[in-house]
Protein backbone atom coordinates (compact mmCIF):
# COMPACT_ATOMS: atom_id res chain seq x y z
CA MET A 1 7.42 31.45 -3.11
CA ASP A 2 4.86 32.24 -0.45
CA ILE A 3 4.79 29.46 2.15
CA ILE A 4 1.01 29.06 1.83
CA VAL A 5 1.36 28.21 -1.87
CA THR A 6 3.92 25.54 -1.09
CA VAL A 7 1.76 24.11 1.69
CA VAL A 8 -1.26 23.94 -0.63
CA ALA A 9 0.89 22.19 -3.27
CA VAL A 10 2.03 19.64 -0.67
CA ILE A 11 -1.54 18.97 0.44
CA VAL A 12 -2.67 18.43 -3.16
CA VAL A 13 0.20 16.02 -3.92
CA ALA A 14 -0.38 14.23 -0.58
CA LEU A 15 -4.00 13.62 -1.52
CA VAL A 16 -2.87 12.38 -4.95
CA PHE A 17 -0.59 9.93 -3.17
CA ASP A 18 -3.50 8.88 -0.96
CA PHE A 19 -5.59 8.31 -4.08
CA THR A 20 -2.87 6.16 -5.69
CA ASN A 21 -2.53 4.30 -2.40
CA GLY A 22 -6.22 3.46 -2.63
CA PHE A 23 -6.20 1.91 -6.10
CA HIS A 24 -2.71 0.46 -5.61
CA ASP A 25 -3.78 -1.41 -2.46
CA THR A 26 -7.35 -2.43 -3.30
CA ALA A 27 -5.91 -5.89 -3.96
CA ASN A 28 -4.93 -6.10 -0.29
CA ALA A 29 -8.51 -6.53 0.74
CA MET A 30 -10.42 -7.87 -2.24
CA ALA A 31 -8.16 -9.86 -4.57
CA THR A 32 -8.88 -13.26 -3.04
CA SER A 33 -12.63 -12.62 -2.76
CA VAL A 34 -12.80 -11.59 -6.41
CA ALA A 35 -10.59 -14.54 -7.47
CA THR A 36 -12.85 -17.09 -5.73
CA GLY A 37 -16.08 -15.49 -6.92
CA ALA A 38 -17.18 -14.62 -3.37
CA LEU A 39 -17.75 -11.01 -4.46
CA ARG A 40 -18.37 -9.39 -7.80
CA PRO A 41 -15.51 -7.02 -8.71
CA ARG A 42 -17.52 -3.79 -8.61
CA THR A 43 -19.28 -4.78 -5.39
CA ALA A 44 -15.94 -5.68 -3.84
CA VAL A 45 -14.33 -2.28 -4.52
CA LEU A 46 -17.47 -0.42 -3.36
CA ILE A 47 -17.44 -2.26 -0.01
CA SER A 48 -13.71 -1.71 0.29
CA ALA A 49 -14.02 2.01 -0.44
CA VAL A 50 -16.71 2.57 2.20
CA LEU A 51 -14.83 0.65 4.88
CA ASN A 52 -11.52 2.37 4.07
CA LEU A 53 -13.30 5.65 4.73
CA VAL A 54 -14.73 4.38 8.01
CA GLY A 55 -11.35 3.00 9.07
CA ALA A 56 -9.73 6.40 8.60
CA PHE A 57 -11.70 7.72 11.60
CA LEU A 58 -10.87 4.92 14.03
CA SER A 59 -7.34 5.89 15.08
CA THR A 60 -4.53 8.42 14.56
CA ALA A 61 -1.66 6.46 16.13
CA VAL A 62 0.03 5.72 12.79
CA ALA A 63 -0.44 9.32 11.62
CA GLN A 64 1.45 10.57 14.67
CA THR A 65 4.24 8.08 14.07
CA ILE A 66 4.83 9.90 10.77
CA SER A 67 4.14 13.49 11.81
CA GLY A 68 6.22 13.31 14.97
CA GLY A 69 8.23 10.11 14.68
CA VAL A 70 10.36 9.08 11.72
CA ILE A 71 10.98 12.63 10.45
CA LYS A 72 12.07 14.93 13.26
CA GLU A 73 10.37 18.29 13.57
CA GLY A 74 10.05 21.16 15.97
CA SER A 75 12.41 22.43 18.63
CA SER A 76 13.57 18.94 19.64
CA GLY A 77 14.69 17.98 16.16
CA VAL A 78 15.71 19.18 12.72
CA ASP A 79 13.17 21.31 10.91
CA ILE A 80 11.95 19.85 7.63
CA THR A 81 10.45 22.26 5.11
CA PRO A 82 7.25 21.87 3.09
CA THR A 83 9.40 21.86 -0.07
CA MET A 84 11.23 18.75 1.16
CA ILE A 85 7.93 17.05 1.95
CA PHE A 86 6.63 17.96 -1.51
CA ALA A 87 9.70 16.36 -3.11
CA GLY A 88 9.35 13.23 -1.00
CA LEU A 89 5.73 12.84 -2.03
CA VAL A 90 6.66 13.11 -5.70
CA GLY A 91 9.07 10.20 -5.22
CA ALA A 92 6.38 8.13 -3.48
CA VAL A 93 3.71 8.80 -6.11
CA LEU A 94 6.01 7.93 -9.01
CA TRP A 95 7.12 4.66 -7.40
CA ASN A 96 3.50 3.71 -6.74
CA LEU A 97 2.68 4.29 -10.40
CA VAL A 98 5.71 2.35 -11.67
CA THR A 99 4.92 -0.72 -9.55
CA TRP A 100 1.23 -0.46 -10.42
CA TYR A 101 2.12 -0.46 -14.13
CA PHE A 102 4.10 -3.70 -13.70
CA GLY A 103 1.37 -5.24 -11.54
CA LEU A 104 3.65 -5.59 -8.52
CA PRO A 105 2.03 -5.32 -5.08
CA SER A 106 4.78 -3.18 -3.60
CA SER A 107 4.49 -1.21 -0.39
CA SER A 108 2.92 2.24 -0.63
CA THR A 109 4.06 2.69 2.97
CA HIS A 110 7.70 2.20 2.15
CA ALA A 111 7.40 4.33 -0.97
CA LEU A 112 6.13 7.15 1.25
CA PHE A 113 8.81 6.71 3.90
CA GLY A 114 11.50 6.35 1.27
CA GLY A 115 10.51 9.55 -0.50
CA LEU A 116 10.32 11.52 2.74
CA ILE A 117 13.63 10.15 4.09
CA GLY A 118 15.46 10.87 0.84
CA ALA A 119 14.14 14.41 0.70
CA ALA A 120 14.88 15.04 4.40
CA VAL A 121 18.45 13.76 4.17
CA ILE A 122 19.24 15.87 1.10
CA GLY A 123 17.51 18.95 2.50
CA ALA A 124 18.49 18.80 6.18
CA GLY A 125 21.05 16.03 6.63
CA PHE A 126 20.95 12.60 8.24
CA GLY A 127 19.98 14.13 11.57
CA ALA A 128 16.52 14.92 10.19
CA VAL A 129 15.58 11.22 10.45
CA ASP A 130 14.98 9.39 13.71
CA TRP A 131 16.62 6.12 12.73
CA GLY A 132 15.54 4.40 15.94
CA VAL A 133 11.86 5.04 15.20
CA LEU A 134 12.42 3.99 11.57
CA LEU A 135 13.89 0.68 12.70
CA SER A 136 11.34 -0.11 15.41
CA LYS A 137 8.19 1.21 13.76
CA VAL A 138 8.86 0.50 10.07
CA ILE A 139 11.77 -1.85 9.28
CA VAL A 140 11.18 -4.52 11.96
CA PRO A 141 7.40 -4.69 11.30
CA ALA A 142 8.18 -4.93 7.57
CA LEU A 143 10.34 -7.99 8.16
CA LEU A 144 8.05 -9.70 10.65
CA SER A 145 4.52 -8.89 9.45
CA PRO A 146 4.42 -11.00 6.26
CA LEU A 147 5.95 -13.94 8.15
CA VAL A 148 3.40 -13.62 10.98
CA ALA A 149 0.43 -13.23 8.60
CA GLY A 150 1.74 -16.05 6.38
CA GLY A 151 2.20 -18.38 9.32
CA VAL A 152 -1.27 -17.69 10.68
CA ALA A 153 -2.80 -18.13 7.21
CA LEU A 154 -0.93 -21.44 6.71
CA VAL A 155 -2.23 -22.87 9.99
CA ALA A 156 -5.75 -21.51 9.40
CA THR A 157 -5.90 -22.92 5.86
CA PHE A 158 -4.65 -26.33 6.97
CA ALA A 159 -7.20 -26.37 9.80
CA ALA A 160 -10.05 -25.26 7.52
CA TYR A 161 -9.37 -28.05 5.02
CA ARG A 162 -8.84 -30.63 7.76
CA ILE A 163 -12.07 -29.75 9.58
CA THR A 164 -14.13 -29.73 6.36
CA ARG A 165 -12.40 -32.82 4.90
CA ASN A 166 -10.69 -30.84 2.16
CA ALA A 167 -13.84 -28.71 1.69
CA ARG A 168 -15.89 -31.76 0.64
CA VAL A 169 -18.36 -31.35 3.50
CA HIS A 170 -21.71 -30.26 2.09
CA GLY A 171 -21.94 -26.47 1.92
CA ALA A 172 -18.35 -25.90 3.04
CA GLU A 173 -17.21 -24.07 -0.12
CA THR A 174 -20.30 -21.85 -0.12
CA GLY A 175 -19.92 -21.13 3.56
CA PHE A 176 -16.31 -20.04 3.11
CA ARG A 177 -17.36 -17.74 0.25
CA HIS A 178 -19.91 -16.07 2.50
CA GLY A 179 -17.28 -15.84 5.22
CA GLN A 180 -14.97 -14.08 2.77
CA THR A 181 -17.45 -11.21 2.54
CA VAL A 182 -16.88 -10.57 6.25
CA SER A 183 -13.14 -11.23 6.28
CA ALA A 184 -12.46 -9.09 3.21
CA SER A 185 -14.47 -6.28 4.78
CA LEU A 186 -12.32 -6.51 7.90
CA VAL A 187 -9.18 -6.15 5.79
CA SER A 188 -10.62 -3.02 4.15
CA LEU A 189 -11.47 -1.56 7.53
CA ALA A 190 -7.97 -2.38 8.78
CA HIS A 191 -6.43 -0.84 5.67
CA GLY A 192 -8.24 2.42 6.38
CA THR A 193 -6.98 2.48 9.97
CA ASN A 194 -3.39 2.12 8.77
CA ASP A 195 -2.85 3.50 5.26
CA ALA A 196 -5.16 6.53 5.28
CA GLN A 197 -3.37 7.71 8.41
CA LYS A 198 -0.03 7.87 6.64
CA THR A 199 -1.18 10.71 4.43
CA MET A 200 -2.79 12.38 7.44
CA GLY A 201 0.63 12.26 9.10
CA VAL A 202 2.33 13.82 6.06
CA ILE A 203 -0.13 16.71 5.87
CA THR A 204 0.10 17.25 9.63
CA LEU A 205 3.91 17.24 9.38
CA THR A 206 3.65 19.87 6.64
CA LEU A 207 1.41 22.09 8.76
CA ILE A 208 3.84 21.74 11.69
CA ALA A 209 6.85 22.52 9.49
CA ALA A 210 5.07 25.62 8.14
CA GLY A 211 4.17 26.82 11.63
CA TYR A 212 0.40 26.34 11.32
CA LEU A 213 0.32 23.63 14.00
CA GLY A 214 2.38 23.09 17.13
CA SER A 215 4.92 20.31 17.47
CA GLY A 216 3.28 16.98 18.33
CA SER A 217 -0.19 18.01 17.14
CA ALA A 218 -2.71 15.36 16.08
CA PRO A 219 -4.29 15.56 12.60
CA PRO A 220 -7.13 18.12 12.40
CA LEU A 221 -10.59 16.84 11.49
CA TRP A 222 -10.49 18.29 7.96
CA VAL A 223 -7.25 16.39 7.32
CA ILE A 224 -8.83 13.11 8.49
CA VAL A 225 -11.91 13.65 6.33
CA SER A 226 -10.01 14.63 3.16
CA CYS A 227 -7.55 11.71 3.48
CA GLY A 228 -10.37 9.25 4.11
CA LEU A 229 -12.25 10.44 1.03
CA ALA A 230 -9.14 10.36 -1.19
CA ILE A 231 -8.19 6.79 -0.32
CA ALA A 232 -11.83 5.68 -0.62
CA LEU A 233 -12.13 7.17 -4.11
CA GLY A 234 -8.92 5.51 -5.23
CA THR A 235 -10.09 2.21 -3.78
CA TYR A 236 -13.42 2.41 -5.61
CA LEU A 237 -11.72 2.80 -8.97
CA GLY A 238 -10.06 -0.58 -8.36
CA GLY A 239 -6.42 -1.57 -8.78
CA TRP A 240 -7.19 -4.32 -11.25
CA ARG A 241 -3.57 -4.77 -12.35
CA ILE A 242 -2.31 -5.63 -8.87
CA MET A 243 -5.53 -7.44 -7.97
CA ARG A 244 -4.80 -9.91 -10.76
CA THR A 245 -1.30 -10.58 -9.42
CA VAL A 246 -2.42 -11.17 -5.83
CA GLY A 247 -5.59 -13.10 -6.65
CA LYS A 248 -4.43 -15.24 -9.56
CA ARG A 249 -0.66 -15.28 -9.98
CA ILE A 250 0.77 -16.09 -6.54
CA THR A 251 -1.32 -19.25 -6.09
CA ASP A 252 -4.65 -20.65 -7.28
CA VAL A 253 -6.78 -19.31 -4.39
CA LYS A 254 -9.84 -21.27 -3.27
CA ALA A 255 -12.52 -19.98 -0.90
CA PRO A 256 -11.10 -21.57 2.33
CA GLN A 257 -7.68 -20.13 1.51
CA GLY A 258 -9.14 -16.71 0.79
CA PHE A 259 -11.02 -16.67 4.08
CA ALA A 260 -7.91 -17.72 6.02
CA ALA A 261 -5.66 -15.19 4.26
CA GLU A 262 -8.06 -12.29 4.76
CA THR A 263 -8.73 -13.07 8.41
CA SER A 264 -5.04 -13.34 9.30
CA SER A 265 -4.28 -10.15 7.38
CA ALA A 266 -7.02 -8.18 9.12
CA ALA A 267 -5.88 -9.31 12.58
CA THR A 268 -2.25 -8.45 11.89
CA ILE A 269 -3.04 -4.99 10.47
CA LEU A 270 -5.50 -4.01 13.21
CA VAL A 271 -3.10 -4.93 16.00
CA SER A 272 -0.28 -3.04 14.29
CA SER A 273 -2.45 0.06 13.81
CA HIS A 274 -3.31 0.05 17.51
CA LEU A 275 0.40 -0.07 18.34
CA GLY A 276 1.23 2.75 15.93
CA PHE A 277 3.26 0.62 13.51
CA ALA A 278 3.23 2.07 9.98
CA LEU A 279 2.75 -1.38 8.52
CA SER A 280 2.79 -2.33 4.85
CA THR A 281 -0.65 -3.85 4.28
CA THR A 282 0.63 -5.06 0.90
CA GLN A 283 3.31 -7.17 2.53
CA VAL A 284 0.88 -8.54 5.10
CA THR A 285 -1.72 -9.64 2.56
CA SER A 286 0.81 -11.01 0.08
CA GLY A 287 2.46 -13.01 2.87
CA ALA A 288 -0.96 -14.32 3.93
CA VAL A 289 -1.76 -15.43 0.38
CA VAL A 290 1.55 -17.32 0.18
CA GLY A 291 0.80 -18.94 3.56
CA SER A 292 -2.66 -19.97 2.39
CA GLY A 293 -1.11 -21.58 -0.66
CA LEU A 294 1.30 -23.59 1.49
CA GLY A 295 -1.49 -24.58 3.87
CA ARG A 296 -3.63 -26.25 1.21
CA LYS A 297 -2.60 -29.79 0.32
CA LEU A 298 -1.03 -29.96 -3.14
CA ALA A 299 -1.48 -26.23 -3.71
CA SER A 300 1.28 -24.65 -5.76
CA VAL A 301 2.92 -21.34 -4.87
CA ARG A 302 4.50 -19.70 -7.90
CA TRP A 303 7.83 -18.79 -6.41
CA GLY A 304 8.97 -16.88 -9.47
CA VAL A 305 6.15 -14.37 -8.89
CA VAL A 306 6.82 -14.32 -5.15
CA GLY A 307 10.49 -13.60 -5.82
CA ARG A 308 9.69 -10.63 -8.06
CA ILE A 309 7.30 -9.26 -5.44
CA ALA A 310 9.92 -9.67 -2.70
CA THR A 311 12.47 -7.89 -4.87
CA ALA A 312 10.10 -4.95 -5.25
CA TRP A 313 9.68 -4.87 -1.47
CA VAL A 314 13.44 -4.64 -0.94
CA VAL A 315 13.95 -2.01 -3.62
CA THR A 316 10.96 0.20 -2.80
CA LEU A 317 12.30 2.26 0.10
CA PRO A 318 15.75 3.05 -1.36
CA ALA A 319 14.34 3.68 -4.85
CA ALA A 320 11.72 6.12 -3.55
CA ALA A 321 14.40 7.73 -1.34
CA LEU A 322 16.62 8.25 -4.39
CA VAL A 323 13.82 9.92 -6.37
CA GLY A 324 12.72 11.95 -3.34
CA GLY A 325 16.27 13.09 -2.65
CA LEU A 326 16.86 14.11 -6.26
CA ALA A 327 13.54 15.96 -6.34
CA ALA A 328 14.41 17.74 -3.08
CA TRP A 329 17.80 18.80 -4.46
CA ILE A 330 16.17 20.31 -7.55
CA ALA A 331 13.10 21.77 -5.85
CA SER A 332 15.06 23.44 -3.03
CA ALA A 333 17.28 25.36 -5.48
CA SER A 334 14.64 27.80 -6.71
CA ILE A 335 10.98 28.34 -7.53
CA ALA A 336 11.72 27.19 -11.07
CA GLY A 337 13.14 23.96 -9.63
CA LEU A 338 10.01 23.33 -7.61
CA ILE A 339 7.81 23.92 -10.64
CA GLY A 340 10.10 21.70 -12.72
CA VAL A 341 9.75 18.81 -10.28
CA ALA A 342 5.96 19.16 -10.36
CA VAL A 343 5.90 19.22 -14.18
CA VAL A 344 8.23 16.24 -14.58
CA GLY A 345 6.24 14.26 -12.03
CA LEU A 346 2.99 15.04 -13.84
CA ILE A 347 4.39 14.07 -17.24
CA ALA A 348 5.82 10.83 -15.89
CA GLY A 349 2.54 9.90 -14.22
CA LEU A 350 0.49 10.62 -17.33
CA GLY A 351 2.99 8.70 -19.43
CA LEU A 352 2.64 5.57 -17.31
CA TYR A 353 -1.12 5.85 -17.48
CA ALA A 354 -1.01 6.20 -21.27
CA LEU A 355 1.19 3.12 -21.58
CA SER A 356 -1.18 1.12 -19.40
CA ARG A 357 -4.09 1.88 -21.74
CA ARG A 358 -2.59 -0.19 -24.53
CA ASN A 359 -3.87 -3.44 -23.03
CA PRO A 360 -6.35 -2.58 -20.27
CA VAL A 361 -7.42 -4.93 -17.52
CA THR A 362 -10.77 -4.07 -15.99
CA ARG A 363 -13.24 -5.68 -13.63
CA HIS A 364 -14.42 -7.73 -16.63
CA ASN A 365 -11.16 -9.61 -17.15
CA VAL A 366 -9.32 -9.31 -13.82
CA ASN A 367 -9.55 -13.07 -13.21
CA GLU A 368 -8.09 -14.00 -16.60
CA GLY A 369 -4.48 -14.64 -17.53
CA GLY A 370 -3.08 -16.58 -14.58
CA ASP A 371 0.61 -17.43 -14.72
CA THR A 372 1.86 -20.59 -16.37
CA GLY A 373 4.30 -23.14 -15.05
CA ARG A 374 7.17 -21.02 -16.33
CA ASP A 375 6.47 -18.55 -13.57
CA ALA A 376 7.00 -21.17 -10.92
CA ALA A 377 10.48 -21.62 -12.27
CA GLY A 378 11.00 -17.88 -12.23
CA ALA A 379 11.73 -17.79 -15.97
CA ARG A 380 9.67 -14.80 -16.91
CA SER A 381 10.90 -11.26 -16.39
CA THR A 382 9.50 -8.72 -13.95
CA ALA A 383 8.04 -6.76 -16.82
CA SER A 384 5.95 -9.74 -17.90
CA VAL A 385 4.00 -9.55 -14.65
CA GLY A 386 2.52 -6.28 -15.77
CA ALA A 387 2.08 -7.00 -19.46
CA GLY A 388 -1.49 -6.57 -20.60
CA GLN A 389 -2.91 -5.28 -17.30
CA GLU A 390 -4.80 -2.19 -16.38
CA GLY A 391 -6.13 -0.72 -13.15
């Protein structure tokens, strides 16, 4: 197949991933604001979409971590082909859709890295991956970021309730709700600076692998614009399934908690983006919500839900790598294999969407259906988290 056709196919699938990243991770910024009533659902996703687009233009450090970091390319490393990248993206998109269906706030970042690593290893061997960069720029931040954000949110929540006498000071609750408008907006901006860049890095890596850009090139302007628009569109459509989990099922979020969680998340993500860490914004915000629950006196954290989310975090990268590797093995065999991978991926994606339509969750009922006490004991299954939700 002509290389230009493969490159175009990769760019299309990359933008589809960026779109799923947008609606998958809307909850990162807006779940707590919607849960506390600080923002109306539709207003929240509109603000988030605009600021995700703005954030995409603020930095390219994370994009270059992907295009010239984790996956080696050019004369100094092992060449990865556009076909391998295509297969890796298929793995990432399918994992995003599976976790979205079950309402689990898993990491789109790790789904992307997993898919690319699996495809690169199958197609070019273990030498195609820079394991040092993977450890320092992805794995270590993944372990530390939710703990840091959670710790900051715990202290901030405790301080907020202490200063305002458990939010009984006149106007305190209203003030925190207004503050959430600013803090949630900062998370959206931070999300754009980190997550939109990941797709920019993938497309740039593809152009380098195909010989259209030189090794070490930064993302061209058209790549930045298209990725920013794709993630903004996905964000606007709203990931209501996951938003319900983050906003209502982890803990009963109040306005001071929401403000503390959002502020700590935004600070963590922005610093990481500046340093070029391909951080999971999902893990940061979920960790911050848990911390805010622990910081409020007598607040309950539903550890059963937290445990299922943590399990998804652990499984995400290897699961996406397995799918990406299998897809690379099939797609690299022939043109028919490449087409087959595309068709199977499309059918699987449409199938998950069709299943989700049985019991839709929209902006009208996103704050309904919080978990019961059984969830705190971890008695319900992972599948029950996603039952009756729609995004």
